[in-house]
Structures are given as structure tokens and as C-alpha cells.
Amino acid sequence: MSDTIERVKCLIIGSGPAGYTAAIYAARANMKPVLYQGTQPGGQLTTTNEVENFPGYPDGITGPEMMIELQKQAERFETDVRDGWVTKVDFSGDIHKVWVNDTKEIHCDTVIISTGASAKYLGLDSEQKYLKLGGGVSACAVCDGFFYRNQEVVIVGAGDSACEEAHYLSKLCKKVTMLVRRDEFRASKIMAERVKKTPNIEILYNTETEEVLGDGQVVTGVRVFNNKTNEKHEIPATGFFVAIGHKPNTDIFKDYLDMDETGYIINVPGTSKTNVEGVFVSGDAADHVYRQAITAAGTGCMAALDAERWLAAKDADFEVATSTYN
């Protein structure tokens, strides 16, 4: 083995609630985990100003603050937290090979994937501006809907997730305006009907967003246009929700791991195990249903425990084989 190749007992790819929780459990189990933070240290939660639904924070906490605390907790138990991101893997053999920043090669006994998923946005400059400001743009109604109680909001999307989020918002907000790009929903009939029957949801078909309006700090409305007539008008709103899907950050694993058609890694039900021995998945890289910080943290715990047990079983098998041979 080359001197430039590092050997690691447990490599965690990605930070965020899943990665850091996996690191805490793995470190406490003396697995000496190495964690690479990825291109967005702390994950999606670092774009969330207020987190009020994570247990243990009665007064709430900002997403970045929570990630700093989780990182400190992982480092307290001697997790080796590093900058950099994994650019290539090879899971074809007994040794799990991983390359960081296209240069550094690491050979791992176990790998925990916590790369998450990225919300899709429309890409408008005004949308990105208020997203970065934390001033009214969100891709998670369950996370942020509470902040818009008794207010008017706009949501973009036409699939099952969009319908589910619109219905969730309707229980909190005075009015929800739903923008559907085509003349029909992509959602299942039952989900579409639920939205249509909700009194405070207004559905605008053949309608797209031209600009998210604001005062420089927070969202104040949305300018939309009808893609059939080109007619434009403005909708007063304090919140702009985008529900057009998520893309799991799993492309580098596609040659080795089983995935669904969207790219979410398929795990063995009830576990964090993938189809490759010694490779485990946690968080939003495998979860297209809940996508919450608390569920991600839970699966991070599962992944570390599964990895620990897998290593213990492997060591036991080695000891039995050695004893038999001797």
C-alpha cells in the first residue's frame, strides 16, 4: 500500500444532523471516525434561520448554530472533522476506496454516507436573494410554515409533495396561493382533490413566477404571469415556498449502490445497510419522505450502530477463522 493512502476504520461522507450524529456514536464506540464536511458544511440546515422543532431547544436555535454545536460534540469524542469533499469512490472490492478532492486516496473498513439532498429552486435572482437573507423563501413547509401563521403565502409545485405542503400550510396560514405551471396537477388524484377542496387554497393554473418581490429584507409578494396569455399580476405574500422536488447528492455512488429512479439510495428496510457490505446510508440521501433534521439524526445513529456491529461481526469471523486455522 502506498504511503499516500490513508487507512480509516469509519469514514463519514457529509455533515449535517445525520453525519454528525453518526460521528458522535461512532466515536463513542472507539471507531475513530473521520468525517469530511463536503461542499456545504452543516448541510441544508445552515440555510435555515430558525429551528424550533428539534427537541432540546425550548427557545429555538438557528440552523448554523445547531450545526456548530453538533460538530463540537462530535469533536469532543475525537471525531476527525475535515474540510473537503469526496469526488470518487470504488466499492467494487473488499476494500472501500474513496478519493477526496480528486487527489487523496483513503481505504475504509466502513463508510457512512450522509451526503443529503438539495432542494430544487426556480433559479430566479430574487428568489436566491431572499433565500440567502432568510427573508421569506423556503423549500420546507414543515420546517418553516409555523413562522407564517395567519399570513398569506405562495407555493410553487404540482406534485404530491407540493399538494401535501400546501395542505399543511393551509392549516397555519390565512391564505395559500398555489402556482401550477400546467393546466393540471402532476399529483395523484387523491392529493389533488384534497387541495382543491381546501377553502383557503387558491390554485392558479398555467401560472409561473416572474419575480419574488420584497423590501430588501423580507418577501412582500410575488409577480406571476400566465404562460398562455402572458398576463401578469402581483400576489401579496410574506412567504414563498418552492416544492418542485429534491435532488439527492448521490451521483458519485451510482455505479455501486442501488438507487431509485430519482437517485435516493435504497437501504435494507429497518436498517441503514446498502447493497454493498460495509457501506451504510443515513439522512436525506435515502429519505424522500420525511426530510427532517430529527429523522436524519436518528438514521445517523442507526448507521453508526450498524457499522459498529458489522465490524464486530467481521472481527469475530476473523478470530474464529484464525483459531480454526491454528
Protein backbone atom coordinates (compact mmCIF):
# COMPACT_ATOMS: atom_id res chain seq x y z
CA MET A 1 0.00 0.00 0.00
CA SER A 2 1.35 3.43 -0.95
CA ASP A 3 2.40 5.80 1.82
CA THR A 4 -0.02 8.35 0.34
CA ILE A 5 -3.02 6.08 1.01
CA GLU A 6 -4.69 6.51 4.39
CA ARG A 7 -6.47 3.66 6.17
CA VAL A 8 -9.63 4.62 8.07
CA LYS A 9 -11.86 2.45 10.22
CA CYS A 10 -15.00 4.54 9.70
CA LEU A 11 -15.34 7.26 7.09
CA ILE A 12 -18.37 9.55 7.21
CA ILE A 13 -19.14 11.40 3.99
CA GLY A 14 -21.06 14.60 4.63
CA SER A 15 -22.00 16.67 7.65
CA GLY A 16 -25.38 17.85 8.87
CA PRO A 17 -27.52 16.17 11.54
CA ALA A 18 -27.05 12.70 10.03
CA GLY A 19 -23.29 12.89 9.60
CA TYR A 20 -22.54 14.49 12.94
CA THR A 21 -24.84 12.13 14.86
CA ALA A 22 -23.19 9.16 13.13
CA ALA A 23 -19.83 10.62 14.15
CA ILE A 24 -20.87 11.01 17.81
CA TYR A 25 -21.98 7.38 18.04
CA ALA A 26 -19.05 6.03 16.04
CA ALA A 27 -16.52 7.97 18.10
CA ARG A 28 -18.03 6.80 21.38
CA ALA A 29 -17.75 3.24 20.06
CA ASN A 30 -14.00 3.78 19.53
CA MET A 31 -14.32 3.56 15.73
CA LYS A 32 -12.11 6.64 15.30
CA PRO A 33 -14.34 8.20 12.63
CA VAL A 34 -13.07 10.61 10.02
CA LEU A 35 -15.74 12.99 8.70
CA TYR A 36 -15.47 15.07 5.54
CA GLN A 37 -17.85 18.02 5.66
CA GLY A 38 -18.49 18.30 1.94
CA THR A 39 -19.22 21.34 -0.20
CA GLN A 40 -21.79 22.70 2.27
CA PRO A 41 -20.51 22.13 5.82
CA GLY A 42 -23.51 21.58 8.06
CA GLY A 43 -25.79 20.69 5.16
CA GLN A 44 -29.14 22.23 4.26
CA LEU A 45 -29.84 23.30 7.82
CA THR A 46 -27.23 26.04 7.53
CA THR A 47 -29.67 27.89 5.24
CA THR A 48 -32.40 27.85 7.93
CA ASN A 49 -32.55 30.88 10.21
CA GLU A 50 -34.73 29.43 12.95
CA VAL A 51 -35.10 25.80 14.04
CA GLU A 52 -37.91 25.38 16.57
CA ASN A 53 -38.92 21.75 16.07
CA PHE A 54 -35.73 19.96 17.14
CA PRO A 55 -36.10 18.52 20.66
CA GLY A 56 -33.93 20.06 23.35
CA TYR A 57 -34.09 23.68 22.22
CA PRO A 58 -37.10 25.22 24.01
CA ASP A 59 -36.24 28.70 22.74
CA GLY A 60 -35.26 27.55 19.25
CA ILE A 61 -31.86 27.83 17.61
CA THR A 62 -30.53 28.89 14.24
CA GLY A 63 -29.51 26.16 11.80
CA PRO A 64 -25.85 27.27 11.66
CA GLU A 65 -25.62 27.41 15.47
CA MET A 66 -27.04 23.91 15.77
CA MET A 67 -24.51 22.55 13.29
CA ILE A 68 -21.64 24.22 15.16
CA GLU A 69 -22.83 22.61 18.40
CA LEU A 70 -23.18 19.18 16.75
CA GLN A 71 -19.70 19.50 15.28
CA LYS A 72 -18.25 20.42 18.69
CA GLN A 73 -19.99 17.44 20.25
CA ALA A 74 -18.57 15.11 17.60
CA GLU A 75 -15.09 16.58 18.07
CA ARG A 76 -15.37 16.23 21.85
CA PHE A 77 -15.27 12.47 21.33
CA GLU A 78 -12.30 12.86 18.95
CA THR A 79 -14.03 12.69 15.59
CA ASP A 80 -11.57 13.89 12.97
CA VAL A 81 -13.64 16.55 11.18
CA ARG A 82 -12.04 17.68 7.92
CA ASP A 83 -12.67 20.16 5.15
CA GLY A 84 -13.01 18.72 1.66
CA TRP A 85 -15.42 16.60 -0.29
CA VAL A 86 -15.43 13.12 -1.73
CA THR A 87 -15.20 13.19 -5.51
CA LYS A 88 -14.89 9.50 -6.37
CA VAL A 89 -15.45 6.07 -4.82
CA ASP A 90 -14.74 2.45 -5.68
CA PHE A 91 -16.87 -0.07 -3.77
CA SER A 92 -16.17 -2.97 -6.13
CA GLY A 93 -13.76 -4.83 -3.88
CA ASP A 94 -13.33 -5.83 -0.25
CA ILE A 95 -11.62 -2.53 0.43
CA HIS A 96 -13.81 0.55 0.14
CA LYS A 97 -11.77 3.13 -1.74
CA VAL A 98 -12.59 6.83 -1.56
CA TRP A 99 -10.91 9.85 -3.12
CA VAL A 100 -11.08 13.31 -1.58
CA ASN A 101 -10.76 16.42 -3.77
CA ASP A 102 -9.69 14.13 -6.64
CA THR A 103 -6.29 13.59 -5.02
CA LYS A 104 -6.19 11.98 -1.59
CA GLU A 105 -6.98 8.24 -1.55
CA ILE A 106 -8.49 6.63 1.55
CA HIS A 107 -9.15 2.94 2.19
CA CYS A 108 -12.05 2.42 4.59
CA ASP A 109 -13.28 -0.51 6.64
CA THR A 110 -16.74 1.09 6.77
CA VAL A 111 -18.35 4.05 5.02
CA ILE A 112 -21.36 6.03 6.22
CA ILE A 113 -22.97 8.16 3.51
CA SER A 114 -24.61 11.33 4.83
CA THR A 115 -24.50 13.50 1.72
CA GLY A 116 -28.12 14.65 1.96
CA ALA A 117 -30.30 16.04 -0.80
CA SER A 118 -30.55 19.53 -2.26
CA ALA A 119 -33.86 21.27 -2.74
CA LYS A 120 -34.59 22.38 -6.28
CA TYR A 121 -35.30 26.07 -6.75
CA LEU A 122 -36.55 28.10 -9.68
CA GLY A 123 -33.22 29.86 -10.05
CA LEU A 124 -34.55 33.42 -10.04
CA ASP A 125 -32.14 36.06 -8.75
CA SER A 126 -34.83 37.48 -6.47
CA GLU A 127 -35.64 34.01 -5.13
CA GLN A 128 -31.99 33.32 -4.29
CA LYS A 129 -31.59 36.77 -2.74
CA TYR A 130 -34.35 36.27 -0.18
CA LEU A 131 -33.37 32.64 0.36
CA LYS A 132 -29.88 33.75 1.40
CA LEU A 133 -31.27 36.55 3.53
CA GLY A 134 -33.63 34.16 5.28
CA GLY A 135 -36.35 36.63 4.43
CA GLY A 136 -39.26 34.51 3.30
CA VAL A 137 -38.14 31.88 0.75
CA SER A 138 -38.25 28.24 1.83
CA ALA A 139 -38.31 24.73 0.42
CA CYS A 140 -39.78 23.12 3.54
CA ALA A 141 -43.28 23.94 4.76
CA VAL A 142 -42.98 21.63 7.76
CA CYS A 143 -39.75 23.37 8.81
CA ASP A 144 -40.81 26.96 8.28
CA GLY A 145 -44.60 27.09 7.98
CA PHE A 146 -45.01 27.99 11.65
CA PHE A 147 -43.37 31.38 11.05
CA TYR A 148 -46.20 32.35 8.68
CA ARG A 149 -49.16 31.71 10.94
CA ASN A 150 -52.19 33.77 9.91
CA GLN A 151 -50.29 35.22 6.96
CA GLU A 152 -50.64 34.84 3.19
CA VAL A 153 -48.13 32.69 1.33
CA VAL A 154 -47.43 31.38 -2.17
CA ILE A 155 -46.29 27.87 -3.01
CA VAL A 156 -44.94 26.62 -6.35
CA GLY A 157 -45.39 23.00 -7.42
CA ALA A 158 -47.85 20.47 -8.79
CA GLY A 159 -46.78 17.07 -7.46
CA ASP A 160 -47.76 15.06 -4.41
CA SER A 161 -45.19 16.82 -2.21
CA ALA A 162 -46.43 20.25 -3.29
CA CYS A 163 -50.01 19.28 -2.52
CA GLU A 164 -49.02 17.88 0.86
CA GLU A 165 -47.08 21.03 1.75
CA ALA A 166 -49.88 23.32 0.51
CA HIS A 167 -52.37 21.43 2.66
CA TYR A 168 -50.04 21.68 5.65
CA LEU A 169 -49.67 25.44 5.14
CA SER A 170 -53.44 25.85 4.83
CA LYS A 171 -53.78 24.82 8.49
CA LEU A 172 -51.45 27.61 9.57
CA CYS A 173 -51.87 30.42 7.06
CA LYS A 174 -54.73 32.74 6.27
CA LYS A 175 -54.41 32.04 2.54
CA VAL A 176 -52.25 29.81 0.35
CA THR A 177 -51.90 30.57 -3.36
CA MET A 178 -50.67 27.58 -5.32
CA LEU A 179 -48.92 28.13 -8.66
CA VAL A 180 -49.26 25.24 -11.12
CA ARG A 181 -47.29 25.60 -14.33
CA ARG A 182 -49.57 23.44 -16.45
CA ASP A 183 -53.35 23.19 -16.71
CA GLU A 184 -53.42 20.16 -14.38
CA PHE A 185 -51.65 18.65 -11.41
CA ARG A 186 -48.93 16.03 -11.66
CA ALA A 187 -50.02 14.79 -8.26
CA SER A 188 -52.15 11.73 -7.63
CA LYS A 189 -55.87 12.34 -7.90
CA ILE A 190 -56.49 11.95 -4.18
CA MET A 191 -53.82 14.52 -3.30
CA ALA A 192 -55.03 16.98 -5.93
CA GLU A 193 -58.62 16.66 -4.75
CA ARG A 194 -57.61 17.33 -1.16
CA VAL A 195 -56.04 20.61 -2.20
CA LYS A 196 -58.96 21.60 -4.42
CA LYS A 197 -61.39 21.07 -1.55
CA THR A 198 -59.45 23.21 0.92
CA PRO A 199 -61.23 26.60 1.16
CA ASN A 200 -58.20 28.80 1.81
CA ILE A 201 -56.08 27.38 -1.03
CA GLU A 202 -56.36 29.23 -4.33
CA ILE A 203 -54.97 27.37 -7.33
CA LEU A 204 -53.65 29.31 -10.33
CA TYR A 205 -53.10 27.05 -13.35
CA ASN A 206 -50.74 27.86 -16.26
CA THR A 207 -49.02 30.26 -13.92
CA GLU A 208 -45.31 30.83 -13.37
CA THR A 209 -43.19 33.07 -11.18
CA GLU A 210 -41.50 36.07 -12.75
CA GLU A 211 -40.07 37.65 -9.62
CA VAL A 212 -40.15 37.38 -5.86
CA LEU A 213 -40.88 40.85 -4.51
CA GLY A 214 -39.57 42.31 -1.29
CA ASP A 215 -38.37 45.34 0.60
CA GLY A 216 -34.72 44.34 0.54
CA GLN A 217 -35.01 42.31 3.73
CA VAL A 218 -38.17 40.21 3.57
CA VAL A 219 -40.63 38.98 0.96
CA THR A 220 -43.69 41.15 0.36
CA GLY A 221 -45.20 39.49 -2.71
CA VAL A 222 -44.76 37.57 -5.94
CA ARG A 223 -45.12 38.72 -9.53
CA VAL A 224 -46.54 35.94 -11.70
CA PHE A 225 -47.54 35.52 -15.33
CA ASN A 226 -49.97 33.28 -17.17
CA ASN A 227 -47.96 31.26 -19.67
CA LYS A 228 -50.94 31.08 -22.04
CA THR A 229 -51.96 34.75 -22.11
CA ASN A 230 -48.74 36.39 -20.78
CA GLU A 231 -50.95 38.37 -18.41
CA LYS A 232 -49.06 39.45 -15.27
CA HIS A 233 -50.19 40.34 -11.79
CA GLU A 234 -48.81 40.58 -8.27
CA ILE A 235 -49.81 38.47 -5.29
CA PRO A 236 -49.27 39.89 -1.79
CA ALA A 237 -47.41 37.34 0.34
CA THR A 238 -44.92 37.17 3.16
CA GLY A 239 -43.69 33.68 2.32
CA PHE A 240 -42.66 31.97 -0.91
CA PHE A 241 -42.43 28.17 -0.77
CA VAL A 242 -40.84 26.10 -3.52
CA ALA A 243 -41.98 22.48 -3.75
CA ILE A 244 -40.62 21.25 -7.06
CA GLY A 245 -38.57 18.39 -5.69
CA HIS A 246 -35.20 17.49 -4.23
CA LYS A 247 -32.08 16.01 -5.80
CA PRO A 248 -30.16 13.57 -3.59
CA ASN A 249 -26.41 14.20 -3.61
CA THR A 250 -25.57 10.64 -4.58
CA ASP A 251 -24.22 10.76 -8.16
CA ILE A 252 -20.75 9.51 -7.23
CA PHE A 253 -22.23 6.29 -5.80
CA LYS A 254 -24.47 5.33 -8.74
CA ASP A 255 -22.10 2.72 -10.17
CA TYR A 256 -22.10 0.74 -6.93
CA LEU A 257 -25.22 1.34 -4.87
CA ASP A 258 -28.86 0.51 -5.60
CA MET A 259 -30.95 3.66 -6.06
CA ASP A 260 -34.46 4.57 -7.06
CA GLU A 261 -35.26 6.46 -10.25
CA THR A 262 -34.64 9.82 -8.56
CA GLY A 263 -31.26 8.86 -7.11
CA TYR A 264 -32.17 8.14 -3.49
CA ILE A 265 -30.07 5.29 -2.12
CA ILE A 266 -32.11 2.18 -1.33
CA ASN A 267 -31.45 0.80 2.13
CA VAL A 268 -32.43 -2.55 3.59
CA PRO A 269 -35.78 -1.83 5.33
CA GLY A 270 -35.36 -1.13 9.03
CA THR A 271 -31.61 -0.62 8.72
CA SER A 272 -29.07 1.73 7.20
CA LYS A 273 -27.46 -1.05 5.17
CA THR A 274 -26.96 -0.68 1.42
CA ASN A 275 -26.40 -3.44 -1.13
CA VAL A 276 -22.64 -3.16 -0.52
CA GLU A 277 -21.27 -4.81 2.63
CA GLY A 278 -19.78 -2.25 4.99
CA VAL A 279 -21.40 0.75 3.32
CA PHE A 280 -24.27 2.44 5.17
CA VAL A 281 -26.54 5.39 4.41
CA SER A 282 -28.20 7.97 6.65
CA GLY A 283 -30.22 11.14 6.31
CA ASP A 284 -31.77 12.66 3.22
CA ALA A 285 -29.58 10.69 0.80
CA ALA A 286 -32.05 7.85 1.40
CA ASP A 287 -35.10 9.67 2.80
CA HIS A 288 -37.50 11.19 0.28
CA VAL A 289 -40.47 11.15 2.69
CA TYR A 290 -39.69 12.95 5.96
CA ARG A 291 -36.55 15.03 5.28
CA GLN A 292 -36.38 16.46 8.81
CA ALA A 293 -33.33 17.20 10.95
CA ILE A 294 -34.57 14.89 13.71
CA THR A 295 -35.17 11.94 11.38
CA ALA A 296 -31.78 12.50 9.74
CA ALA A 297 -30.13 12.44 13.17
CA GLY A 298 -31.96 9.21 14.01
CA THR A 299 -30.70 7.46 10.90
CA GLY A 300 -27.21 8.76 11.62
CA CYS A 301 -27.39 6.89 14.91
CA MET A 302 -28.64 3.78 13.09
CA ALA A 303 -25.79 3.93 10.58
CA ALA A 304 -23.12 4.15 13.27
CA LEU A 305 -24.64 1.26 15.22
CA ASP A 306 -24.97 -0.84 12.06
CA ALA A 307 -21.37 -0.09 11.12
CA GLU A 308 -20.13 -0.96 14.62
CA ARG A 309 -22.00 -4.28 14.60
CA TRP A 310 -20.78 -5.09 11.11
CA LEU A 311 -17.18 -4.52 12.16
CA ALA A 312 -17.66 -6.56 15.33
CA ALA A 313 -19.10 -9.47 13.35
CA LYS A 314 -16.26 -9.25 10.84
CA ASP A 315 -13.65 -9.25 13.61
CA ALA A 316 -15.38 -12.22 15.26
CA ASP A 317 -15.38 -14.14 11.97
CA PHE A 318 -11.67 -13.36 11.57
CA GLU A 319 -10.91 -14.58 15.10
CA VAL A 320 -12.85 -17.82 14.52
CA ALA A 321 -11.10 -18.40 11.19
CA THR A 322 -7.69 -17.73 12.72
CA SER A 323 -8.43 -20.03 15.67
CA THR A 324 -9.60 -22.80 13.34
CA TYR A 325 -6.54 -22.40 11.13
CA ASN A 326 -4.20 -22.54 14.09
